């Protein structure tokens, strides 16, 4: 069971990195420093951006649950 949640944690961590990097820069941060602020916003987020937000939140929830589950399993096993 610990191995299952460890694999789930590694996979969800990698997916979180990829999904966060896929998001469009909102300005005022590191994205502006490297030229991300040059592109203009069209006044709202597209359907693809909203779906990307939903997927990111879902993977983040899986990530948090796997951390709590691993913590509880490791505490019980010791």
N, C-alpha and C. Protein backbone atom coordinates (compact mmCIF):
# COMPACT_ATOMS: atom_id res chain seq x y z
N UNK A 1 0.83 -1.20 0.00
CA UNK A 1 0.00 0.00 0.00
C UNK A 1 0.88 1.26 0.00
N UNK A 2 1.97 1.21 0.76
CA UNK A 2 2.87 2.36 0.79
C UNK A 2 3.49 2.57 -0.58
N UNK A 3 3.85 1.48 -1.25
CA UNK A 3 4.43 1.59 -2.59
C UNK A 3 3.44 2.21 -3.58
N UNK A 4 2.17 1.84 -3.47
CA UNK A 4 1.14 2.38 -4.35
C UNK A 4 1.02 3.90 -4.19
N UNK A 5 0.96 4.36 -2.93
CA UNK A 5 0.84 5.79 -2.70
C UNK A 5 2.13 6.54 -3.03
N UNK A 6 3.26 5.88 -2.89
CA UNK A 6 4.53 6.52 -3.28
C UNK A 6 4.58 6.74 -4.79
N UNK A 7 4.16 5.73 -5.55
CA UNK A 7 4.12 5.87 -7.01
C UNK A 7 3.11 6.94 -7.41
N UNK A 8 1.95 6.95 -6.74
CA UNK A 8 0.94 7.97 -7.02
C UNK A 8 1.46 9.37 -6.73
N UNK A 9 2.22 9.51 -5.65
CA UNK A 9 2.80 10.81 -5.30
C UNK A 9 3.81 11.27 -6.33
N UNK A 10 4.66 10.37 -6.79
CA UNK A 10 5.67 10.74 -7.79
C UNK A 10 5.00 11.14 -9.11
N UNK A 11 4.01 10.35 -9.54
CA UNK A 11 3.32 10.66 -10.79
C UNK A 11 2.54 11.97 -10.70
N UNK A 12 1.84 12.18 -9.58
CA UNK A 12 1.07 13.42 -9.45
C UNK A 12 2.00 14.63 -9.31
N UNK A 13 3.16 14.46 -8.70
CA UNK A 13 4.12 15.56 -8.61
C UNK A 13 4.63 15.95 -9.98
N UNK A 14 4.96 14.96 -10.79
CA UNK A 14 5.43 15.24 -12.15
C UNK A 14 4.34 15.91 -12.98
N UNK A 15 3.10 15.42 -12.83
CA UNK A 15 1.99 16.03 -13.56
C UNK A 15 1.74 17.48 -13.10
N UNK A 16 1.88 17.74 -11.80
CA UNK A 16 1.70 19.11 -11.30
C UNK A 16 2.73 20.05 -11.91
N UNK A 17 3.97 19.60 -12.00
CA UNK A 17 5.01 20.44 -12.60
C UNK A 17 4.66 20.78 -14.04
N UNK A 18 4.27 19.77 -14.80
CA UNK A 18 3.93 19.99 -16.21
C UNK A 18 2.72 20.89 -16.35
N UNK A 19 1.69 20.64 -15.54
CA UNK A 19 0.46 21.43 -15.67
C UNK A 19 0.66 22.89 -15.25
N UNK A 20 1.43 23.12 -14.21
CA UNK A 20 1.68 24.51 -13.78
C UNK A 20 2.49 25.25 -14.84
N UNK A 21 3.44 24.57 -15.45
CA UNK A 21 4.23 25.21 -16.49
C UNK A 21 3.42 25.48 -17.75
N UNK A 22 2.35 24.75 -17.97
CA UNK A 22 1.51 24.97 -19.15
C UNK A 22 0.59 26.18 -19.01
N UNK A 23 0.38 26.66 -17.79
CA UNK A 23 -0.52 27.79 -17.58
C UNK A 23 0.06 29.06 -18.17
N UNK A 24 -0.84 29.90 -18.61
CA UNK A 24 -0.46 31.20 -19.17
C UNK A 24 -0.09 32.13 -18.03
N UNK A 25 0.96 32.92 -18.21
CA UNK A 25 1.37 33.88 -17.20
C UNK A 25 0.34 34.97 -17.00
N UNK A 26 0.09 35.34 -15.76
CA UNK A 26 -0.91 36.37 -15.46
C UNK A 26 -0.29 37.75 -15.29
N UNK A 27 1.03 37.84 -15.29
CA UNK A 27 1.69 39.14 -15.18
C UNK A 27 2.12 39.43 -13.75
N UNK A 28 3.16 40.23 -13.64
CA UNK A 28 3.62 40.65 -12.33
C UNK A 28 4.55 39.66 -11.65
N UNK A 29 4.93 38.61 -12.32
CA UNK A 29 5.79 37.62 -11.70
C UNK A 29 6.98 37.31 -12.57
N UNK A 30 7.48 36.11 -12.44
CA UNK A 30 8.64 35.71 -13.21
C UNK A 30 8.35 35.65 -14.70
N UNK A 31 7.09 35.42 -15.07
CA UNK A 31 6.77 35.37 -16.49
C UNK A 31 7.00 36.72 -17.17
N UNK A 32 6.79 37.82 -16.46
CA UNK A 32 7.06 39.15 -17.01
C UNK A 32 8.56 39.38 -17.15
N UNK A 33 9.32 38.86 -16.21
CA UNK A 33 10.76 39.09 -16.23
C UNK A 33 11.40 38.49 -17.48
N UNK A 34 10.88 37.37 -17.95
CA UNK A 34 11.46 36.68 -19.09
C UNK A 34 10.68 36.91 -20.38
N UNK A 35 9.87 37.95 -20.44
CA UNK A 35 9.19 38.30 -21.67
C UNK A 35 7.79 37.77 -21.80
N UNK A 36 7.25 37.15 -20.77
CA UNK A 36 5.89 36.62 -20.85
C UNK A 36 4.84 37.70 -20.83
N UNK A 37 5.17 38.90 -20.37
CA UNK A 37 4.20 39.98 -20.28
C UNK A 37 3.97 40.71 -21.58
N UNK A 38 4.70 40.35 -22.62
CA UNK A 38 4.58 41.04 -23.91
C UNK A 38 3.28 40.67 -24.61
N UNK A 39 2.86 39.42 -24.47
CA UNK A 39 1.64 39.00 -25.15
C UNK A 39 0.42 39.64 -24.49
N UNK A 40 -0.56 39.98 -25.29
CA UNK A 40 -1.74 40.64 -24.76
C UNK A 40 -2.80 39.62 -24.39
N UNK A 41 -3.55 39.94 -23.36
CA UNK A 41 -4.64 39.08 -22.94
C UNK A 41 -5.90 39.46 -23.71
N UNK A 42 -6.70 38.49 -24.05
CA UNK A 42 -7.90 38.75 -24.85
C UNK A 42 -9.13 38.98 -23.98
N UNK A 43 -8.94 39.29 -22.70
CA UNK A 43 -10.06 39.66 -21.86
C UNK A 43 -10.77 38.52 -21.18
N UNK A 44 -10.19 37.39 -21.09
CA UNK A 44 -10.83 36.27 -20.41
C UNK A 44 -10.09 34.99 -20.71
N UNK A 45 -10.39 34.01 -19.92
CA UNK A 45 -9.70 32.75 -20.16
C UNK A 45 -10.51 31.89 -21.13
N UNK A 46 -9.80 31.19 -21.93
CA UNK A 46 -10.45 30.35 -22.94
C UNK A 46 -10.94 29.06 -22.30
N UNK A 47 -11.64 28.29 -23.07
CA UNK A 47 -12.15 27.00 -22.60
C UNK A 47 -10.98 26.08 -22.25
N UNK A 48 -9.94 26.13 -23.07
CA UNK A 48 -8.77 25.28 -22.80
C UNK A 48 -8.11 25.67 -21.48
N UNK A 49 -8.03 26.95 -21.20
CA UNK A 49 -7.42 27.42 -19.96
C UNK A 49 -8.27 27.01 -18.76
N UNK A 50 -9.58 27.11 -18.88
CA UNK A 50 -10.46 26.69 -17.78
C UNK A 50 -10.35 25.19 -17.53
N UNK A 51 -10.29 24.41 -18.62
CA UNK A 51 -10.12 22.96 -18.46
C UNK A 51 -8.77 22.63 -17.84
N UNK A 52 -7.74 23.36 -18.22
CA UNK A 52 -6.42 23.17 -17.63
C UNK A 52 -6.45 23.49 -16.14
N UNK A 53 -7.19 24.52 -15.76
CA UNK A 53 -7.36 24.85 -14.34
C UNK A 53 -8.03 23.71 -13.59
N UNK A 54 -9.08 23.15 -14.18
CA UNK A 54 -9.80 22.05 -13.52
C UNK A 54 -8.92 20.81 -13.37
N UNK A 55 -8.17 20.49 -14.40
CA UNK A 55 -7.28 19.33 -14.34
C UNK A 55 -6.20 19.55 -13.29
N UNK A 56 -5.66 20.77 -13.23
CA UNK A 56 -4.63 21.08 -12.24
C UNK A 56 -5.16 20.94 -10.83
N UNK A 57 -6.36 21.43 -10.57
CA UNK A 57 -6.96 21.30 -9.24
C UNK A 57 -7.20 19.84 -8.91
N UNK A 58 -7.65 19.05 -9.86
CA UNK A 58 -7.87 17.62 -9.62
C UNK A 58 -6.59 16.88 -9.29
N UNK A 59 -5.52 17.15 -10.05
CA UNK A 59 -4.23 16.51 -9.77
C UNK A 59 -3.68 16.99 -8.44
N UNK A 60 -3.90 18.26 -8.10
CA UNK A 60 -3.44 18.77 -6.81
C UNK A 60 -4.18 18.08 -5.66
N UNK A 61 -5.45 17.80 -5.84
CA UNK A 61 -6.21 17.08 -4.81
C UNK A 61 -5.67 15.66 -4.64
N UNK A 62 -5.37 14.99 -5.74
CA UNK A 62 -4.77 13.65 -5.66
C UNK A 62 -3.42 13.71 -4.96
N UNK A 63 -2.63 14.75 -5.25
CA UNK A 63 -1.32 14.94 -4.64
C UNK A 63 -1.44 15.09 -3.12
N UNK A 64 -2.38 15.93 -2.69
CA UNK A 64 -2.57 16.16 -1.25
C UNK A 64 -3.06 14.90 -0.55
N UNK A 65 -4.00 14.20 -1.15
CA UNK A 65 -4.52 12.97 -0.55
C UNK A 65 -3.42 11.92 -0.44
N UNK A 66 -2.58 11.82 -1.45
CA UNK A 66 -1.50 10.82 -1.39
C UNK A 66 -0.47 11.19 -0.32
N UNK A 67 -0.22 12.47 -0.09
CA UNK A 67 0.70 12.88 0.98
C UNK A 67 0.12 12.51 2.34
N UNK A 68 -1.16 12.82 2.56
CA UNK A 68 -1.79 12.48 3.84
C UNK A 68 -1.83 10.96 4.04
N UNK A 69 -2.16 10.22 2.99
CA UNK A 69 -2.23 8.76 3.11
C UNK A 69 -0.86 8.18 3.42
N UNK A 70 0.19 8.68 2.75
CA UNK A 70 1.53 8.19 3.04
C UNK A 70 1.95 8.52 4.46
N UNK A 71 1.61 9.72 4.90
CA UNK A 71 1.94 10.10 6.27
C UNK A 71 1.27 9.19 7.29
N UNK A 72 0.00 8.91 7.08
CA UNK A 72 -0.72 8.03 8.00
C UNK A 72 -0.19 6.59 7.94
N UNK A 73 0.06 6.09 6.74
CA UNK A 73 0.57 4.73 6.60
C UNK A 73 1.95 4.58 7.21
N UNK A 74 2.80 5.56 7.01
CA UNK A 74 4.13 5.47 7.59
C UNK A 74 4.11 5.61 9.11
N UNK A 75 3.17 6.38 9.64
CA UNK A 75 3.05 6.51 11.08
C UNK A 75 2.55 5.22 11.71
N UNK A 76 1.61 4.56 11.05
CA UNK A 76 1.05 3.32 11.56
C UNK A 76 2.06 2.18 11.45
N UNK A 77 2.87 2.18 10.38
CA UNK A 77 3.81 1.07 10.17
C UNK A 77 4.99 1.12 11.13
N UNK A 78 5.28 2.27 11.71
CA UNK A 78 6.41 2.37 12.65
C UNK A 78 6.01 2.08 14.03
